[in-house]
């Protein structure tokens, strides 16, 4: 297993610089409050209400889209769904809150990174590597963002 499936193993990471620095993301109102919206590129994902995650541009476009989808499904809340984590098999899926039907299955490699903290807490013998915040995360002051 890769230590971090969000980063290729060799070389220095590169990101789309036009979305860093002075970039002001759009923000929408949701049931859970304000939410940053990722720009229309596979290399930037919403990673929480006030965070964007910059995906390494050394990944091809399809891989970047896959990474973005995994991150956004794990970190952007959907009021009609919940995430079911199996700490024994170290897997996760989104389920419909009313019917319990599976709506999205996380790629197991990504589930082991995205949900490592909770999995490790309930199954400490797995000792999964946990994703650490770093230069690929940018946190925004939602009061100073462009609101839609």
N, C-alpha and C. Protein backbone atom coordinates (compact mmCIF):
# COMPACT_ATOMS: atom_id res chain seq x y z
N UNK A 1 0.85 -1.18 0.00
CA UNK A 1 0.00 0.00 0.00
C UNK A 1 0.89 1.24 0.00
N UNK A 2 0.49 2.23 -0.79
CA UNK A 2 1.19 3.51 -0.79
C UNK A 2 1.03 4.17 0.57
N UNK A 3 2.06 4.86 1.03
CA UNK A 3 1.92 5.60 2.28
C UNK A 3 0.93 6.73 2.12
N UNK A 4 0.89 7.34 0.95
CA UNK A 4 -0.07 8.41 0.70
C UNK A 4 -0.49 8.35 -0.76
N UNK A 5 -1.67 7.82 -1.04
CA UNK A 5 -2.11 7.71 -2.42
C UNK A 5 -2.41 9.05 -3.08
N UNK A 6 -2.36 10.13 -2.31
CA UNK A 6 -2.63 11.45 -2.87
C UNK A 6 -1.38 12.10 -3.43
N UNK A 7 -0.23 11.48 -3.25
CA UNK A 7 1.05 12.02 -3.72
C UNK A 7 1.80 10.93 -4.46
N UNK A 8 2.28 11.21 -5.69
CA UNK A 8 3.16 10.24 -6.35
C UNK A 8 4.42 10.06 -5.50
N UNK A 9 5.08 8.95 -5.65
CA UNK A 9 6.21 8.61 -4.77
C UNK A 9 7.49 9.39 -5.05
N UNK A 10 7.72 9.81 -6.29
CA UNK A 10 9.01 10.42 -6.62
C UNK A 10 8.86 11.87 -7.04
N UNK A 11 9.86 12.67 -6.71
CA UNK A 11 9.87 14.07 -7.11
C UNK A 11 9.09 14.96 -6.18
N UNK A 12 9.18 16.24 -6.44
CA UNK A 12 8.48 17.23 -5.62
C UNK A 12 7.08 17.46 -6.17
N UNK A 13 6.10 17.64 -5.26
CA UNK A 13 4.73 17.89 -5.72
C UNK A 13 4.62 19.22 -6.45
N UNK A 14 3.71 19.26 -7.41
CA UNK A 14 3.40 20.51 -8.11
C UNK A 14 1.89 20.70 -8.05
N UNK A 15 1.45 21.95 -8.00
CA UNK A 15 0.02 22.24 -7.92
C UNK A 15 -0.31 23.35 -8.91
N UNK A 16 -1.60 23.52 -9.19
CA UNK A 16 -2.04 24.61 -10.05
C UNK A 16 -1.92 25.91 -9.27
N UNK A 17 -0.88 26.64 -9.52
CA UNK A 17 -0.58 27.86 -8.75
C UNK A 17 -1.64 28.94 -8.90
N UNK A 18 -2.39 28.93 -10.03
CA UNK A 18 -3.41 29.98 -10.21
C UNK A 18 -4.53 29.90 -9.17
N UNK A 19 -4.62 28.78 -8.44
CA UNK A 19 -5.64 28.63 -7.41
C UNK A 19 -5.07 28.74 -6.00
N UNK A 20 -3.86 29.24 -5.90
CA UNK A 20 -3.24 29.47 -4.60
C UNK A 20 -2.97 30.96 -4.45
N UNK A 21 -2.45 31.36 -3.34
CA UNK A 21 -2.08 32.76 -3.16
C UNK A 21 -3.28 33.68 -3.08
N UNK A 22 -3.51 34.48 -4.10
CA UNK A 22 -4.57 35.49 -4.06
C UNK A 22 -5.92 34.97 -4.54
N UNK A 23 -6.02 33.69 -4.86
CA UNK A 23 -7.28 33.12 -5.33
C UNK A 23 -8.36 33.24 -4.25
N UNK A 24 -9.56 33.70 -4.66
CA UNK A 24 -10.70 33.80 -3.74
C UNK A 24 -11.76 32.82 -4.22
N UNK A 25 -11.98 31.72 -3.49
CA UNK A 25 -12.96 30.72 -3.94
C UNK A 25 -14.39 31.21 -3.75
N UNK A 26 -15.30 30.57 -4.48
CA UNK A 26 -16.72 30.83 -4.29
C UNK A 26 -17.18 30.04 -3.08
N UNK A 27 -18.20 30.57 -2.42
CA UNK A 27 -18.77 29.94 -1.23
C UNK A 27 -20.28 29.87 -1.42
N UNK A 28 -20.86 28.74 -1.06
CA UNK A 28 -22.32 28.59 -1.12
C UNK A 28 -22.86 28.34 0.29
N UNK A 29 -24.15 28.63 0.46
CA UNK A 29 -24.82 28.32 1.73
C UNK A 29 -25.41 26.92 1.61
N UNK A 30 -25.19 26.11 2.65
CA UNK A 30 -25.76 24.76 2.71
C UNK A 30 -26.49 24.60 4.04
N UNK A 31 -27.12 23.46 4.23
CA UNK A 31 -27.78 23.18 5.51
C UNK A 31 -26.80 23.22 6.67
N UNK A 32 -25.53 22.97 6.38
CA UNK A 32 -24.50 22.89 7.41
C UNK A 32 -23.74 24.20 7.58
N UNK A 33 -24.12 25.22 6.81
CA UNK A 33 -23.42 26.50 6.86
C UNK A 33 -22.72 26.79 5.55
N UNK A 34 -21.79 27.71 5.57
CA UNK A 34 -21.07 28.07 4.35
C UNK A 34 -20.12 26.96 3.94
N UNK A 35 -19.94 26.79 2.61
CA UNK A 35 -19.11 25.74 2.05
C UNK A 35 -18.32 26.29 0.88
N UNK A 36 -16.99 26.12 0.93
CA UNK A 36 -16.13 26.50 -0.19
C UNK A 36 -16.44 25.57 -1.36
N UNK A 37 -16.45 26.14 -2.57
CA UNK A 37 -16.66 25.35 -3.79
C UNK A 37 -15.33 25.28 -4.53
N UNK A 38 -14.94 24.07 -4.90
CA UNK A 38 -13.69 23.89 -5.63
C UNK A 38 -13.84 24.43 -7.05
N UNK A 39 -12.77 25.00 -7.60
CA UNK A 39 -12.84 25.45 -9.00
C UNK A 39 -13.02 24.27 -9.94
N UNK A 40 -13.42 24.55 -11.17
CA UNK A 40 -13.69 23.52 -12.15
C UNK A 40 -12.38 23.00 -12.76
N UNK A 41 -11.67 22.22 -11.97
CA UNK A 41 -10.43 21.57 -12.39
C UNK A 41 -10.31 20.28 -11.60
N UNK A 42 -9.77 19.23 -12.19
CA UNK A 42 -9.62 17.99 -11.42
C UNK A 42 -8.52 18.07 -10.36
N UNK A 43 -7.75 19.14 -10.35
CA UNK A 43 -6.59 19.23 -9.46
C UNK A 43 -6.83 20.02 -8.17
N UNK A 44 -8.09 20.43 -7.92
CA UNK A 44 -8.42 21.12 -6.67
C UNK A 44 -9.75 20.56 -6.17
N UNK A 45 -9.77 20.09 -4.92
CA UNK A 45 -10.96 19.50 -4.33
C UNK A 45 -11.38 20.28 -3.09
N UNK A 46 -12.70 20.38 -2.87
CA UNK A 46 -13.20 20.90 -1.61
C UNK A 46 -12.86 19.85 -0.56
N UNK A 47 -12.34 20.30 0.59
CA UNK A 47 -11.90 19.34 1.61
C UNK A 47 -12.41 19.73 2.98
N UNK A 48 -13.62 20.22 3.03
CA UNK A 48 -14.22 20.69 4.27
C UNK A 48 -14.88 22.02 4.00
N UNK A 49 -15.56 22.56 4.98
CA UNK A 49 -16.30 23.80 4.74
C UNK A 49 -15.42 24.97 4.32
N UNK A 50 -14.20 25.02 4.80
CA UNK A 50 -13.34 26.18 4.52
C UNK A 50 -11.99 25.81 3.93
N UNK A 51 -11.87 24.60 3.35
CA UNK A 51 -10.57 24.14 2.86
C UNK A 51 -10.64 23.65 1.42
N UNK A 52 -9.57 23.92 0.70
CA UNK A 52 -9.35 23.30 -0.60
C UNK A 52 -8.11 22.44 -0.50
N UNK A 53 -8.14 21.32 -1.20
CA UNK A 53 -7.02 20.39 -1.23
C UNK A 53 -6.45 20.44 -2.65
N UNK A 54 -5.16 20.70 -2.74
CA UNK A 54 -4.49 20.81 -4.03
C UNK A 54 -3.86 19.47 -4.39
N UNK A 55 -4.36 18.87 -5.46
CA UNK A 55 -3.92 17.55 -5.91
C UNK A 55 -2.69 17.74 -6.80
N UNK A 56 -1.73 16.89 -6.61
CA UNK A 56 -0.47 16.95 -7.34
C UNK A 56 -0.71 16.87 -8.84
N UNK A 57 -0.23 17.86 -9.58
CA UNK A 57 -0.45 17.90 -11.03
C UNK A 57 0.40 16.89 -11.79
N UNK A 58 1.25 16.15 -11.10
CA UNK A 58 1.99 15.08 -11.77
C UNK A 58 1.07 13.89 -12.06
N UNK A 59 -0.10 13.84 -11.39
CA UNK A 59 -1.08 12.81 -11.71
C UNK A 59 -1.73 13.14 -13.05
N UNK A 60 -2.10 12.10 -13.82
CA UNK A 60 -2.85 12.36 -15.04
C UNK A 60 -4.25 12.83 -14.65
N UNK A 61 -4.97 13.39 -15.60
CA UNK A 61 -6.29 13.99 -15.33
C UNK A 61 -7.27 12.99 -14.73
N UNK A 62 -7.31 11.77 -15.25
CA UNK A 62 -8.26 10.77 -14.74
C UNK A 62 -7.96 10.40 -13.29
N UNK A 63 -6.69 10.24 -12.96
CA UNK A 63 -6.31 9.93 -11.58
C UNK A 63 -6.68 11.10 -10.67
N UNK A 64 -6.41 12.32 -11.12
CA UNK A 64 -6.74 13.51 -10.32
C UNK A 64 -8.24 13.59 -10.08
N UNK A 65 -9.05 13.29 -11.09
CA UNK A 65 -10.51 13.29 -10.91
C UNK A 65 -10.93 12.25 -9.87
N UNK A 66 -10.28 11.09 -9.90
CA UNK A 66 -10.58 10.02 -8.95
C UNK A 66 -10.23 10.48 -7.52
N UNK A 67 -9.07 11.08 -7.36
CA UNK A 67 -8.65 11.58 -6.05
C UNK A 67 -9.63 12.65 -5.57
N UNK A 68 -9.98 13.59 -6.45
CA UNK A 68 -10.92 14.67 -6.10
C UNK A 68 -12.25 14.10 -5.62
N UNK A 69 -12.78 13.12 -6.36
CA UNK A 69 -14.06 12.52 -5.99
C UNK A 69 -13.99 11.87 -4.60
N UNK A 70 -12.91 11.15 -4.32
CA UNK A 70 -12.75 10.50 -3.03
C UNK A 70 -12.71 11.52 -1.90
N UNK A 71 -11.92 12.59 -2.09
CA UNK A 71 -11.79 13.63 -1.07
C UNK A 71 -13.13 14.32 -0.83
N UNK A 72 -13.81 14.73 -1.90
CA UNK A 72 -15.06 15.47 -1.73
C UNK A 72 -16.17 14.60 -1.14
N UNK A 73 -16.23 13.34 -1.50
CA UNK A 73 -17.25 12.46 -0.91
C UNK A 73 -17.00 12.27 0.59
N UNK A 74 -15.74 12.31 0.99
CA UNK A 74 -15.40 12.12 2.41
C UNK A 74 -15.54 13.39 3.24
N UNK A 75 -15.39 14.56 2.63
CA UNK A 75 -15.28 15.77 3.44
C UNK A 75 -16.40 16.79 3.26
N UNK A 76 -17.17 16.68 2.18
CA UNK A 76 -18.27 17.63 1.94
C UNK A 76 -19.57 16.94 2.33
N UNK A 77 -20.24 17.42 3.38
CA UNK A 77 -21.43 16.73 3.87
C UNK A 77 -22.60 16.76 2.89
N UNK A 78 -23.34 15.68 2.87
CA UNK A 78 -24.57 15.57 2.11
C UNK A 78 -25.64 15.22 3.14
N UNK A 79 -26.66 16.07 3.30
CA UNK A 79 -27.65 15.84 4.37
C UNK A 79 -28.43 14.54 4.23
N UNK A 80 -28.46 13.97 3.03
CA UNK A 80 -29.22 12.74 2.82
C UNK A 80 -28.37 11.47 2.96
N UNK A 81 -27.09 11.65 3.31
CA UNK A 81 -26.20 10.49 3.37
C UNK A 81 -25.38 10.48 4.65
N UNK A 82 -24.85 9.30 4.95
CA UNK A 82 -23.88 9.17 6.04
C UNK A 82 -22.78 8.24 5.55
N UNK A 83 -21.62 8.30 6.19
CA UNK A 83 -20.51 7.45 5.80
C UNK A 83 -20.43 6.29 6.78
N UNK A 84 -20.46 5.08 6.23
CA UNK A 84 -20.35 3.86 7.04
C UNK A 84 -18.93 3.33 6.87
N UNK A 85 -18.22 3.26 7.99
CA UNK A 85 -16.83 2.79 7.98
C UNK A 85 -16.76 1.42 8.63
N UNK A 86 -16.11 0.49 7.95
CA UNK A 86 -15.88 -0.84 8.50
C UNK A 86 -14.44 -0.86 9.01
N UNK A 87 -14.28 -0.78 10.32
CA UNK A 87 -12.94 -0.70 10.92
C UNK A 87 -12.17 -2.01 10.82
N UNK A 88 -12.85 -3.10 10.63
CA UNK A 88 -12.18 -4.40 10.51
C UNK A 88 -11.53 -4.55 9.13
N UNK A 89 -12.32 -4.28 8.08
CA UNK A 89 -11.77 -4.41 6.72
C UNK A 89 -11.13 -3.11 6.23
N UNK A 90 -11.24 -2.04 7.03
CA UNK A 90 -10.70 -0.72 6.69
C UNK A 90 -11.25 -0.24 5.34
N UNK A 91 -12.57 -0.28 5.22
CA UNK A 91 -13.26 0.20 4.03
C UNK A 91 -14.35 1.18 4.45
N UNK A 92 -14.91 1.89 3.46
CA UNK A 92 -15.97 2.86 3.77
C UNK A 92 -16.89 3.02 2.56
N UNK A 93 -18.11 3.41 2.85
CA UNK A 93 -19.08 3.71 1.80
C UNK A 93 -20.06 4.75 2.31
N UNK A 94 -20.63 5.51 1.38
CA UNK A 94 -21.70 6.45 1.71
C UNK A 94 -23.01 5.71 1.55
N UNK A 95 -23.94 6.00 2.46
CA UNK A 95 -25.24 5.34 2.41
C UNK A 95 -26.34 6.39 2.50
N UNK A 96 -27.46 6.09 1.89
CA UNK A 96 -28.64 6.94 1.98
C UNK A 96 -29.15 6.87 3.41
N UNK A 97 -29.37 8.02 4.03
CA UNK A 97 -29.77 8.07 5.44
C UNK A 97 -31.16 7.49 5.68
N UNK A 98 -32.02 7.51 4.69
CA UNK A 98 -33.38 6.99 4.85
C UNK A 98 -33.47 5.51 4.55
N UNK A 99 -32.88 5.10 3.42
CA UNK A 99 -33.04 3.71 2.98
C UNK A 99 -31.88 2.80 3.39
N UNK A 100 -30.75 3.39 3.72
CA UNK A 100 -29.57 2.60 4.04
C UNK A 100 -28.86 2.05 2.81
N UNK A 101 -29.37 2.41 1.62
CA UNK A 101 -28.79 1.94 0.37
C UNK A 101 -27.42 2.59 0.14
N UNK A 102 -26.47 1.82 -0.35
CA UNK A 102 -25.14 2.33 -0.65
C UNK A 102 -25.21 3.23 -1.87
N UNK A 103 -24.67 4.46 -1.73
CA UNK A 103 -24.68 5.42 -2.83
C UNK A 103 -23.29 5.64 -3.42
N UNK A 104 -22.25 5.30 -2.66
CA UNK A 104 -20.87 5.47 -3.14
C UNK A 104 -19.97 4.56 -2.32
N UNK A 105 -19.08 3.85 -3.01
CA UNK A 105 -18.11 3.00 -2.33
C UNK A 105 -16.74 3.63 -2.51
N UNK A 106 -16.07 3.91 -1.41
CA UNK A 106 -14.74 4.50 -1.46
C UNK A 106 -13.74 3.47 -1.94
N UNK A 107 -12.83 3.91 -2.78
CA UNK A 107 -11.71 3.06 -3.19
C UNK A 107 -11.00 2.66 -1.89
N UNK A 108 -10.78 1.37 -1.64
CA UNK A 108 -10.20 0.94 -0.35
C UNK A 108 -8.88 1.62 0.00
N UNK A 109 -8.02 1.85 -0.98
CA UNK A 109 -6.74 2.51 -0.68
C UNK A 109 -6.99 3.92 -0.13
N UNK A 110 -7.93 4.65 -0.71
CA UNK A 110 -8.22 6.00 -0.25
C UNK A 110 -8.97 5.98 1.08
N UNK A 111 -9.87 5.02 1.25
CA UNK A 111 -10.59 4.91 2.53
C UNK A 111 -9.62 4.74 3.68
N UNK A 112 -8.56 3.97 3.44
CA UNK A 112 -7.57 3.71 4.50
C UNK A 112 -6.78 4.96 4.86
N UNK A 113 -6.74 5.95 3.96
CA UNK A 113 -6.07 7.22 4.25
C UNK A 113 -7.08 8.23 4.80
N UNK A 114 -8.19 8.39 4.11
CA UNK A 114 -9.19 9.40 4.49
C UNK A 114 -9.79 9.14 5.87
N UNK A 115 -9.97 7.88 6.23
CA UNK A 115 -10.62 7.54 7.49
C UNK A 115 -9.67 6.85 8.47
N UNK A 116 -8.38 6.98 8.24
CA UNK A 116 -7.38 6.30 9.06
C UNK A 116 -7.50 6.63 10.54
N UNK A 117 -7.73 7.88 10.87
CA UNK A 117 -7.79 8.28 12.27
C UNK A 117 -8.89 7.50 13.02
N UNK A 118 -10.08 7.46 12.44
CA UNK A 118 -11.18 6.73 13.07
C UNK A 118 -10.96 5.23 13.06
N UNK A 119 -10.44 4.71 11.96
CA UNK A 119 -10.16 3.27 11.88
C UNK A 119 -9.12 2.88 12.91
N UNK A 120 -8.05 3.67 13.02
CA UNK A 120 -7.00 3.38 14.00
C UNK A 120 -7.54 3.43 15.43
N UNK A 121 -8.45 4.34 15.69
CA UNK A 121 -9.01 4.48 17.03
C UNK A 121 -9.79 3.21 17.41
N UNK A 122 -10.52 2.63 16.43
CA UNK A 122 -11.33 1.45 16.71
C UNK A 122 -10.62 0.13 16.43
N UNK A 123 -9.53 0.19 15.67
CA UNK A 123 -8.78 -1.01 15.33
C UNK A 123 -7.29 -0.64 15.33
N UNK A 124 -6.73 -0.35 16.52
CA UNK A 124 -5.36 0.19 16.60
C UNK A 124 -4.27 -0.73 16.05
N UNK A 125 -4.52 -2.02 15.99
CA UNK A 125 -3.49 -2.91 15.47
C UNK A 125 -3.23 -2.71 13.97
N UNK A 126 -4.15 -2.06 13.24
CA UNK A 126 -3.91 -1.78 11.82
C UNK A 126 -2.80 -0.75 11.62
N UNK A 127 -2.71 0.24 12.52
CA UNK A 127 -1.68 1.28 12.45
C UNK A 127 -1.59 1.91 11.06
N UNK A 128 -2.73 2.35 10.54
CA UNK A 128 -2.76 2.98 9.23
C UNK A 128 -2.08 4.34 9.27
N UNK A 129 -1.36 4.72 8.22
CA UNK A 129 -0.77 6.06 8.18
C UNK A 129 -1.87 7.10 8.04
N UNK A 130 -1.77 8.18 8.81
CA UNK A 130 -2.80 9.22 8.78
C UNK A 130 -2.34 10.39 7.93
N UNK A 131 -3.27 10.92 7.13
CA UNK A 131 -3.00 12.06 6.27
C UNK A 131 -2.77 13.30 7.13
N UNK A 132 -1.61 13.89 6.99
CA UNK A 132 -1.25 15.07 7.77
C UNK A 132 -1.54 16.33 6.97
N UNK A 133 -2.04 17.38 7.62
CA UNK A 133 -2.20 18.65 6.91
C UNK A 133 -0.83 19.12 6.41
N UNK A 134 -0.82 19.79 5.31
CA UNK A 134 0.44 20.28 4.76
C UNK A 134 0.19 21.36 3.74
N UNK A 135 1.18 21.60 2.90
CA UNK A 135 1.10 22.68 1.93
C UNK A 135 0.02 22.46 0.88
N UNK A 136 -0.51 21.25 0.76
CA UNK A 136 -1.55 20.97 -0.23
C UNK A 136 -2.94 21.37 0.27
N UNK A 137 -3.08 21.70 1.56
CA UNK A 137 -4.34 22.21 2.11
C UNK A 137 -4.26 23.73 2.22
N UNK A 138 -5.31 24.42 1.80
CA UNK A 138 -5.39 25.85 2.01
C UNK A 138 -6.72 26.12 2.71
N UNK A 139 -6.67 26.82 3.84
CA UNK A 139 -7.86 27.16 4.60
C UNK A 139 -8.22 28.62 4.31
N UNK A 140 -9.51 28.89 4.10
CA UNK A 140 -9.98 30.22 3.74
C UNK A 140 -10.85 30.80 4.84
N UNK A 141 -10.83 32.12 4.96
CA UNK A 141 -11.74 32.85 5.83
C UNK A 141 -13.03 33.02 5.03
N UNK A 142 -14.07 32.29 5.38
CA UNK A 142 -15.31 32.28 4.60
C UNK A 142 -15.99 33.64 4.51
N UNK A 143 -15.73 34.52 5.48
CA UNK A 143 -16.32 35.85 5.44
C UNK A 143 -15.72 36.72 4.33
N UNK A 144 -14.54 36.35 3.85
CA UNK A 144 -13.86 37.14 2.82
C UNK A 144 -13.86 36.46 1.45
N UNK A 145 -14.75 35.49 1.27
CA UNK A 145 -14.84 34.77 -0.01
C UNK A 145 -16.03 35.27 -0.81
N UNK A 146 -16.04 34.98 -2.10
CA UNK A 146 -17.15 35.38 -2.99
C UNK A 146 -18.33 34.45 -2.72
N UNK A 147 -19.43 35.01 -2.23
CA UNK A 147 -20.62 34.20 -1.88
C UNK A 147 -21.60 34.18 -3.03
N UNK A 148 -22.15 32.98 -3.25
CA UNK A 148 -23.18 32.83 -4.30
C UNK A 148 -24.53 32.74 -3.67
